Amino acid sequence: MKRIIIYYSLSGNTEEAVKLTAEQLGCDTLKIDTEKQMPKSFAARMLVGGGQVAFNKIPKLKPIDKDLNSYDEFFIGTPIWNSKGVPAINALLKDENISRKVTGLIITSGGGDIDKCVKALKDRIPNLKYQVSLLDRKHQDYQQNGDKIKKFVEEVNS
């Protein structure tokens, strides 16, 4: 089975988690991005990103440089913004051919509470089976991510 993790990462936390997970799963990765870039300052990012989520703004994505039809199974990597997944992931999941192939979520957060994010994404992901909650590098329990990724990979491969 050919797998890929499609992810969005602004600060690098999600990208780091995805790369570790992909290495253990033996799958490809694809970083997506929006055509309009986020502001540079942290405060402006919080305001713009939080507003996009609150108003369910679906941005236009940059073109994808991989043939996603060649993959059997997708995993989504996303940070949590305003208790939900990021707008770029919502834009990706508008494509039913993609959303139907998604079976797992890799979610990064500053606090570990992913329930609202999973609930918000679940409606768009009909075949969701696996999920893992990972913490940002700044969190005191960040070192537990390795064990969580290992358990996630074992679950997916069982």
N, C-alpha and C. Protein backbone atom coordinates (compact mmCIF):
# COMPACT_ATOMS: atom_id res chain seq x y z
N MET A 1 0.85 -1.18 0.00
CA MET A 1 0.00 0.00 0.00
C MET A 1 0.90 1.24 0.00
N LYS A 2 0.62 2.15 -0.89
CA LYS A 2 1.41 3.38 -1.01
C LYS A 2 0.73 4.47 -0.18
N ARG A 3 1.51 5.05 0.74
CA ARG A 3 0.97 6.04 1.68
C ARG A 3 1.72 7.36 1.57
N ILE A 4 1.00 8.42 1.97
CA ILE A 4 1.61 9.75 2.02
C ILE A 4 1.01 10.53 3.19
N ILE A 5 1.84 11.33 3.81
CA ILE A 5 1.36 12.28 4.82
C ILE A 5 1.37 13.65 4.17
N ILE A 6 0.19 14.26 4.10
CA ILE A 6 0.04 15.61 3.56
C ILE A 6 -0.12 16.53 4.76
N TYR A 7 0.68 17.60 4.79
CA TYR A 7 0.67 18.42 6.00
C TYR A 7 0.86 19.90 5.71
N TYR A 8 0.49 20.68 6.71
CA TYR A 8 0.73 22.12 6.72
C TYR A 8 1.50 22.41 7.98
N SER A 9 2.54 23.22 7.86
CA SER A 9 3.34 23.60 9.03
C SER A 9 3.81 25.03 8.86
N LEU A 10 3.51 25.86 9.83
CA LEU A 10 3.93 27.25 9.78
C LEU A 10 5.19 27.48 10.59
N SER A 11 5.26 26.88 11.78
CA SER A 11 6.39 27.12 12.68
C SER A 11 7.42 25.99 12.67
N GLY A 12 7.11 24.89 12.01
CA GLY A 12 8.04 23.76 11.95
C GLY A 12 7.70 22.61 12.89
N ASN A 13 6.80 22.83 13.85
CA ASN A 13 6.43 21.76 14.78
C ASN A 13 5.77 20.59 14.07
N THR A 14 4.80 20.89 13.24
CA THR A 14 4.09 19.82 12.52
C THR A 14 5.02 19.15 11.53
N GLU A 15 5.85 19.92 10.86
CA GLU A 15 6.78 19.35 9.89
C GLU A 15 7.73 18.35 10.57
N GLU A 16 8.24 18.70 11.72
CA GLU A 16 9.12 17.80 12.47
C GLU A 16 8.40 16.50 12.83
N ALA A 17 7.18 16.62 13.34
CA ALA A 17 6.40 15.45 13.72
C ALA A 17 6.08 14.57 12.51
N VAL A 18 5.75 15.19 11.40
CA VAL A 18 5.42 14.44 10.18
C VAL A 18 6.64 13.69 9.66
N LYS A 19 7.79 14.33 9.66
CA LYS A 19 9.00 13.67 9.16
C LYS A 19 9.36 12.46 10.01
N LEU A 20 9.23 12.58 11.32
CA LEU A 20 9.51 11.44 12.21
C LEU A 20 8.51 10.31 11.97
N THR A 21 7.26 10.66 11.80
CA THR A 21 6.21 9.66 11.56
C THR A 21 6.40 9.00 10.20
N ALA A 22 6.68 9.78 9.18
CA ALA A 22 6.86 9.24 7.83
C ALA A 22 8.05 8.29 7.77
N GLU A 23 9.09 8.63 8.48
CA GLU A 23 10.28 7.76 8.52
C GLU A 23 9.91 6.39 9.08
N GLN A 24 9.11 6.38 10.15
CA GLN A 24 8.73 5.11 10.78
C GLN A 24 7.67 4.36 9.96
N LEU A 25 6.81 5.08 9.27
CA LEU A 25 5.79 4.44 8.43
C LEU A 25 6.36 4.02 7.08
N GLY A 26 7.47 4.62 6.70
CA GLY A 26 8.04 4.35 5.39
C GLY A 26 7.21 4.93 4.27
N CYS A 27 6.72 6.14 4.48
CA CYS A 27 5.85 6.75 3.47
C CYS A 27 6.38 8.11 3.03
N ASP A 28 5.79 8.63 1.98
CA ASP A 28 6.15 9.93 1.43
C ASP A 28 5.49 11.04 2.24
N THR A 29 5.96 12.27 2.00
CA THR A 29 5.36 13.45 2.62
C THR A 29 5.12 14.51 1.55
N LEU A 30 4.17 15.36 1.82
CA LEU A 30 3.88 16.49 0.95
C LEU A 30 3.47 17.67 1.81
N LYS A 31 4.25 18.72 1.76
CA LYS A 31 3.91 19.94 2.49
C LYS A 31 3.08 20.83 1.57
N ILE A 32 1.91 21.23 2.05
CA ILE A 32 1.07 22.14 1.28
C ILE A 32 1.21 23.55 1.84
N ASP A 33 0.89 24.51 1.00
CA ASP A 33 0.95 25.90 1.44
C ASP A 33 -0.12 26.69 0.68
N THR A 34 -0.46 27.82 1.24
CA THR A 34 -1.45 28.68 0.61
C THR A 34 -0.75 29.68 -0.31
N GLU A 35 -1.49 30.14 -1.32
CA GLU A 35 -0.92 31.14 -2.23
C GLU A 35 -0.57 32.42 -1.50
N LYS A 36 -1.45 32.84 -0.61
CA LYS A 36 -1.19 34.06 0.17
C LYS A 36 -0.47 33.64 1.46
N GLN A 37 0.72 34.17 1.65
CA GLN A 37 1.53 33.81 2.81
C GLN A 37 0.99 34.46 4.09
N MET A 38 1.25 33.78 5.21
CA MET A 38 0.88 34.32 6.52
C MET A 38 1.85 35.44 6.90
N PRO A 39 1.43 36.37 7.75
CA PRO A 39 2.32 37.45 8.20
C PRO A 39 3.54 36.87 8.94
N LYS A 40 4.58 37.67 9.03
CA LYS A 40 5.83 37.23 9.68
C LYS A 40 5.74 37.25 11.20
N SER A 41 5.09 38.25 11.78
CA SER A 41 5.07 38.37 13.24
C SER A 41 4.10 37.37 13.87
N PHE A 42 4.44 36.89 15.04
CA PHE A 42 3.62 35.91 15.74
C PHE A 42 2.23 36.46 16.04
N ALA A 43 2.17 37.70 16.52
CA ALA A 43 0.87 38.30 16.87
C ALA A 43 -0.03 38.41 15.64
N ALA A 44 0.54 38.84 14.53
CA ALA A 44 -0.24 38.96 13.30
C ALA A 44 -0.70 37.59 12.80
N ARG A 45 0.15 36.58 12.95
CA ARG A 45 -0.23 35.22 12.56
C ARG A 45 -1.42 34.73 13.39
N MET A 46 -1.37 35.01 14.68
CA MET A 46 -2.46 34.60 15.57
C MET A 46 -3.77 35.27 15.15
N LEU A 47 -3.69 36.54 14.86
CA LEU A 47 -4.88 37.30 14.47
C LEU A 47 -5.43 36.82 13.12
N VAL A 48 -4.56 36.72 12.13
CA VAL A 48 -5.00 36.32 10.79
C VAL A 48 -5.44 34.86 10.78
N GLY A 49 -4.61 33.97 11.32
CA GLY A 49 -4.94 32.54 11.32
C GLY A 49 -6.19 32.24 12.13
N GLY A 50 -6.29 32.83 13.32
CA GLY A 50 -7.47 32.61 14.15
C GLY A 50 -8.73 33.14 13.48
N GLY A 51 -8.60 34.27 12.79
CA GLY A 51 -9.74 34.83 12.07
C GLY A 51 -10.17 33.96 10.91
N GLN A 52 -9.19 33.40 10.19
CA GLN A 52 -9.52 32.51 9.07
C GLN A 52 -10.31 31.31 9.57
N VAL A 53 -9.88 30.75 10.69
CA VAL A 53 -10.57 29.58 11.24
C VAL A 53 -11.96 29.98 11.72
N ALA A 54 -12.05 31.08 12.46
CA ALA A 54 -13.33 31.51 13.02
C ALA A 54 -14.38 31.76 11.94
N PHE A 55 -13.93 32.31 10.81
CA PHE A 55 -14.87 32.64 9.73
C PHE A 55 -14.87 31.59 8.62
N ASN A 56 -14.25 30.44 8.90
CA ASN A 56 -14.21 29.31 7.97
C ASN A 56 -13.74 29.73 6.56
N LYS A 57 -12.69 30.55 6.54
CA LYS A 57 -12.13 31.01 5.26
C LYS A 57 -11.31 29.87 4.65
N ILE A 58 -11.60 29.54 3.42
CA ILE A 58 -10.90 28.48 2.70
C ILE A 58 -9.97 29.15 1.69
N PRO A 59 -8.66 29.11 1.95
CA PRO A 59 -7.72 29.78 1.05
C PRO A 59 -7.43 28.95 -0.20
N LYS A 60 -6.82 29.58 -1.16
CA LYS A 60 -6.38 28.88 -2.37
C LYS A 60 -5.00 28.30 -2.09
N LEU A 61 -4.82 27.02 -2.43
CA LEU A 61 -3.55 26.35 -2.21
C LEU A 61 -2.61 26.55 -3.40
N LYS A 62 -1.32 26.53 -3.11
CA LYS A 62 -0.33 26.50 -4.18
C LYS A 62 -0.48 25.15 -4.89
N PRO A 63 -0.11 25.10 -6.16
CA PRO A 63 -0.23 23.83 -6.89
C PRO A 63 0.54 22.69 -6.21
N ILE A 64 -0.04 21.51 -6.26
CA ILE A 64 0.57 20.31 -5.66
C ILE A 64 1.41 19.63 -6.73
N ASP A 65 2.66 19.30 -6.36
CA ASP A 65 3.61 18.76 -7.33
C ASP A 65 3.74 17.24 -7.32
N LYS A 66 2.76 16.56 -6.75
CA LYS A 66 2.77 15.09 -6.75
C LYS A 66 1.45 14.58 -7.30
N ASP A 67 1.49 13.40 -7.89
CA ASP A 67 0.29 12.75 -8.38
C ASP A 67 -0.37 12.02 -7.22
N LEU A 68 -1.34 12.65 -6.60
CA LEU A 68 -1.98 12.06 -5.42
C LEU A 68 -2.82 10.83 -5.77
N ASN A 69 -3.19 10.68 -7.04
CA ASN A 69 -3.94 9.50 -7.45
C ASN A 69 -3.12 8.22 -7.34
N SER A 70 -1.81 8.35 -7.25
CA SER A 70 -0.95 7.16 -7.16
C SER A 70 -0.85 6.63 -5.72
N TYR A 71 -1.49 7.29 -4.77
CA TYR A 71 -1.44 6.87 -3.37
C TYR A 71 -2.75 6.20 -2.96
N ASP A 72 -2.60 5.18 -2.11
CA ASP A 72 -3.76 4.43 -1.62
C ASP A 72 -4.32 4.98 -0.32
N GLU A 73 -3.44 5.56 0.50
CA GLU A 73 -3.85 5.99 1.84
C GLU A 73 -3.15 7.30 2.17
N PHE A 74 -3.92 8.23 2.76
CA PHE A 74 -3.40 9.53 3.16
C PHE A 74 -3.51 9.69 4.67
N PHE A 75 -2.54 10.41 5.21
CA PHE A 75 -2.58 10.90 6.58
C PHE A 75 -2.47 12.41 6.48
N ILE A 76 -3.10 13.10 7.40
CA ILE A 76 -3.06 14.56 7.43
C ILE A 76 -2.29 15.00 8.66
N GLY A 77 -1.35 15.93 8.46
CA GLY A 77 -0.63 16.56 9.56
C GLY A 77 -1.05 18.01 9.67
N THR A 78 -1.51 18.39 10.85
CA THR A 78 -2.00 19.76 11.02
C THR A 78 -1.74 20.27 12.44
N PRO A 79 -1.38 21.54 12.55
CA PRO A 79 -1.41 22.16 13.88
C PRO A 79 -2.86 22.52 14.22
N ILE A 80 -3.07 22.88 15.47
CA ILE A 80 -4.38 23.37 15.88
C ILE A 80 -4.34 24.89 15.91
N TRP A 81 -5.30 25.49 15.26
CA TRP A 81 -5.49 26.94 15.32
C TRP A 81 -6.92 27.17 15.79
N ASN A 82 -7.07 27.95 16.83
CA ASN A 82 -8.41 28.31 17.31
C ASN A 82 -9.27 27.06 17.53
N SER A 83 -8.65 26.03 18.10
CA SER A 83 -9.28 24.75 18.44
C SER A 83 -9.63 23.88 17.24
N LYS A 84 -9.19 24.23 16.04
CA LYS A 84 -9.55 23.48 14.84
C LYS A 84 -8.32 23.29 13.95
N GLY A 85 -8.49 22.53 12.88
CA GLY A 85 -7.43 22.38 11.89
C GLY A 85 -7.25 23.68 11.12
N VAL A 86 -6.14 23.81 10.45
CA VAL A 86 -5.82 25.04 9.74
C VAL A 86 -6.60 25.16 8.42
N PRO A 87 -6.81 26.38 7.95
CA PRO A 87 -7.56 26.59 6.71
C PRO A 87 -6.96 25.86 5.50
N ALA A 88 -5.64 25.73 5.42
CA ALA A 88 -5.02 25.04 4.28
C ALA A 88 -5.47 23.58 4.23
N ILE A 89 -5.59 22.95 5.38
CA ILE A 89 -6.06 21.55 5.43
C ILE A 89 -7.53 21.48 5.03
N ASN A 90 -8.31 22.45 5.46
CA ASN A 90 -9.73 22.49 5.06
C ASN A 90 -9.85 22.63 3.55
N ALA A 91 -8.97 23.41 2.94
CA ALA A 91 -8.98 23.57 1.49
C ALA A 91 -8.66 22.24 0.81
N LEU A 92 -7.68 21.53 1.34
CA LEU A 92 -7.30 20.23 0.79
C LEU A 92 -8.46 19.24 0.88
N LEU A 93 -9.14 19.22 2.02
CA LEU A 93 -10.19 18.24 2.26
C LEU A 93 -11.48 18.53 1.48
N LYS A 94 -11.55 19.67 0.79
CA LYS A 94 -12.70 19.94 -0.08
C LYS A 94 -12.74 18.95 -1.23
N ASP A 95 -11.59 18.39 -1.58
CA ASP A 95 -11.50 17.41 -2.65
C ASP A 95 -11.90 16.04 -2.10
N GLU A 96 -13.05 15.53 -2.51
CA GLU A 96 -13.57 14.26 -1.99
C GLU A 96 -12.66 13.08 -2.31
N ASN A 97 -11.94 13.13 -3.44
CA ASN A 97 -11.01 12.06 -3.77
C ASN A 97 -9.88 11.97 -2.74
N ILE A 98 -9.53 13.10 -2.17
CA ILE A 98 -8.51 13.12 -1.12
C ILE A 98 -9.13 12.75 0.21
N SER A 99 -10.21 13.41 0.59
CA SER A 99 -10.79 13.19 1.92
C SER A 99 -11.20 11.74 2.16
N ARG A 100 -11.63 11.04 1.10
CA ARG A 100 -12.02 9.63 1.26
C ARG A 100 -10.83 8.71 1.54
N LYS A 101 -9.64 9.11 1.11
CA LYS A 101 -8.45 8.28 1.31
C LYS A 101 -7.73 8.56 2.63
N VAL A 102 -8.17 9.60 3.34
CA VAL A 102 -7.53 9.94 4.62
C VAL A 102 -8.00 8.97 5.70
N THR A 103 -7.04 8.34 6.36
CA THR A 103 -7.38 7.43 7.46
C THR A 103 -6.78 7.87 8.79
N GLY A 104 -5.86 8.84 8.77
CA GLY A 104 -5.21 9.22 10.02
C GLY A 104 -4.89 10.69 10.13
N LEU A 105 -4.87 11.16 11.37
CA LEU A 105 -4.54 12.55 11.69
C LEU A 105 -3.33 12.60 12.60
N ILE A 106 -2.41 13.48 12.29
CA ILE A 106 -1.26 13.78 13.13
C ILE A 106 -1.43 15.24 13.51
N ILE A 107 -1.79 15.49 14.76
CA ILE A 107 -2.15 16.83 15.19
C ILE A 107 -1.14 17.33 16.21
N THR A 108 -0.62 18.53 15.97
CA THR A 108 0.30 19.15 16.92
C THR A 108 -0.39 20.32 17.61
N SER A 109 -0.07 20.48 18.89
CA SER A 109 -0.68 21.57 19.65
C SER A 109 0.23 22.00 20.78
N GLY A 110 -0.09 23.15 21.33
CA GLY A 110 0.65 23.66 22.48
C GLY A 110 0.17 23.08 23.78
N GLY A 111 -1.03 22.48 23.79
CA GLY A 111 -1.58 21.99 25.05
C GLY A 111 -2.06 20.56 25.05
N GLY A 112 -2.14 19.93 23.89
CA GLY A 112 -2.50 18.52 23.84
C GLY A 112 -3.97 18.22 23.70
N ASP A 113 -4.86 19.21 23.77
CA ASP A 113 -6.29 18.96 23.66
C ASP A 113 -6.70 19.00 22.19
N ILE A 114 -6.95 17.83 21.61
CA ILE A 114 -7.26 17.77 20.18
C ILE A 114 -8.72 17.45 19.89
N ASP A 115 -9.52 17.25 20.91
CA ASP A 115 -10.91 16.81 20.70
C ASP A 115 -11.71 17.72 19.77
N LYS A 116 -11.64 19.04 19.98
CA LYS A 116 -12.40 19.97 19.14
C LYS A 116 -11.89 19.94 17.70
N CYS A 117 -10.58 19.81 17.55
CA CYS A 117 -9.99 19.76 16.21
C CYS A 117 -10.45 18.49 15.49
N VAL A 118 -10.38 17.36 16.17
CA VAL A 118 -10.81 16.09 15.56
C VAL A 118 -12.29 16.16 15.18
N LYS A 119 -13.10 16.69 16.08
CA LYS A 119 -14.54 16.82 15.81
C LYS A 119 -14.78 17.69 14.57
N ALA A 120 -14.03 18.79 14.45
CA ALA A 120 -14.21 19.69 13.32
C ALA A 120 -13.78 19.04 12.00
N LEU A 121 -12.76 18.18 12.04
CA LEU A 121 -12.26 17.54 10.83
C LEU A 121 -13.01 16.26 10.47
N LYS A 122 -13.58 15.60 11.46
CA LYS A 122 -14.20 14.29 11.26
C LYS A 122 -15.30 14.31 10.20
N ASP A 123 -16.06 15.39 10.14
CA ASP A 123 -17.13 15.49 9.13
C ASP A 123 -16.57 15.48 7.71
N ARG A 124 -15.34 15.93 7.57
CA ARG A 124 -14.72 15.99 6.24
C ARG A 124 -13.91 14.74 5.92
N ILE A 125 -13.72 13.87 6.91
CA ILE A 125 -12.88 12.68 6.74
C ILE A 125 -13.71 11.44 7.10
N PRO A 126 -14.42 10.86 6.13
CA PRO A 126 -15.34 9.77 6.42
C PRO A 126 -14.68 8.45 6.86
N ASN A 127 -13.41 8.25 6.54
CA ASN A 127 -12.75 6.97 6.85
C ASN A 127 -11.66 7.11 7.91
N LEU A 128 -11.81 8.08 8.80
CA LEU A 128 -10.82 8.31 9.83
C LEU A 128 -10.76 7.14 10.81
N LYS A 129 -9.56 6.58 10.99
CA LYS A 129 -9.35 5.46 11.91
C LYS A 129 -8.32 5.75 12.99
N TYR A 130 -7.32 6.56 12.66
CA TYR A 130 -6.17 6.75 13.55
C TYR A 130 -5.95 8.24 13.82
N GLN A 131 -5.49 8.51 15.01
CA GLN A 131 -5.13 9.89 15.34
C GLN A 131 -4.07 9.88 16.44
N VAL A 132 -3.22 10.89 16.38
CA VAL A 132 -2.21 11.05 17.41
C VAL A 132 -2.10 12.54 17.74
N SER A 133 -1.97 12.82 19.02
CA SER A 133 -1.84 14.18 19.51
C SER A 133 -0.40 14.39 19.97
N LEU A 134 0.29 15.31 19.32
CA LEU A 134 1.68 15.59 19.63
C LEU A 134 1.82 17.03 20.12
N LEU A 135 2.83 17.25 20.95
CA LEU A 135 3.01 18.56 21.56
C LEU A 135 4.10 19.36 20.88
N ASP A 136 3.92 20.68 20.87
CA ASP A 136 4.93 21.59 20.32
C ASP A 136 6.24 21.45 21.08
N ARG A 137 7.31 21.81 20.39
CA ARG A 137 8.66 21.72 20.98
C ARG A 137 8.78 22.51 22.28
N LYS A 138 8.01 23.54 22.46
CA LYS A 138 8.09 24.38 23.66
C LYS A 138 7.41 23.75 24.88
N HIS A 139 6.59 22.74 24.68
CA HIS A 139 5.83 22.13 25.77
C HIS A 139 6.75 21.26 26.63
N GLN A 140 6.50 21.26 27.93
CA GLN A 140 7.34 20.51 28.87
C GLN A 140 7.30 19.00 28.64
N ASP A 141 6.23 18.47 28.07
CA ASP A 141 6.11 17.03 27.82
C ASP A 141 6.41 16.65 26.37
N TYR A 142 7.07 17.54 25.65
CA TYR A 142 7.41 17.32 24.24
C TYR A 142 8.15 16.00 24.01
N GLN A 143 8.97 15.59 24.94
CA GLN A 143 9.78 14.38 24.78
C GLN A 143 8.92 13.12 24.65
N GLN A 144 7.67 13.18 25.05
CA GLN A 144 6.76 12.03 24.93
C GLN A 144 6.31 11.78 23.49
N ASN A 145 6.58 12.73 22.59
CA ASN A 145 6.13 12.59 21.20
C ASN A 145 6.69 11.34 20.55
N GLY A 146 7.94 10.99 20.84
CA GLY A 146 8.54 9.81 20.23
C GLY A 146 7.75 8.55 20.52
N ASP A 147 7.36 8.38 21.77
CA ASP A 147 6.57 7.20 22.15
C ASP A 147 5.18 7.23 21.52
N LYS A 148 4.59 8.41 21.43
CA LYS A 148 3.26 8.54 20.83
C LYS A 148 3.32 8.20 19.33
N ILE A 149 4.36 8.66 18.66
CA ILE A 149 4.51 8.35 17.23
C ILE A 149 4.70 6.85 17.04
N LYS A 150 5.52 6.25 17.87
CA LYS A 150 5.76 4.81 17.77
C LYS A 150 4.46 4.03 17.93
N LYS A 151 3.64 4.41 18.92
CA LYS A 151 2.36 3.74 19.16
C LYS A 151 1.42 3.95 17.97
N PHE A 152 1.38 5.16 17.42
CA PHE A 152 0.55 5.48 16.25
C PHE A 152 0.94 4.60 15.07
N VAL A 153 2.23 4.50 14.81
CA VAL A 153 2.74 3.70 13.68
C VAL A 153 2.39 2.23 13.89
N GLU A 154 2.53 1.72 15.10
CA GLU A 154 2.18 0.32 15.39
C GLU A 154 0.70 0.08 15.14
N GLU A 155 -0.13 1.02 15.54
CA GLU A 155 -1.58 0.90 15.33
C GLU A 155 -1.92 0.88 13.83
N VAL A 156 -1.31 1.78 13.08
CA VAL A 156 -1.55 1.87 11.64
C VAL A 156 -1.10 0.57 10.95
N ASN A 157 0.02 0.04 11.36
CA ASN A 157 0.59 -1.15 10.71
C ASN A 157 0.01 -2.47 11.18
N SER A 158 -0.86 -2.44 12.20
CA SER A 158 -1.40 -3.70 12.71
C SER A 158 -2.58 -4.19 11.89
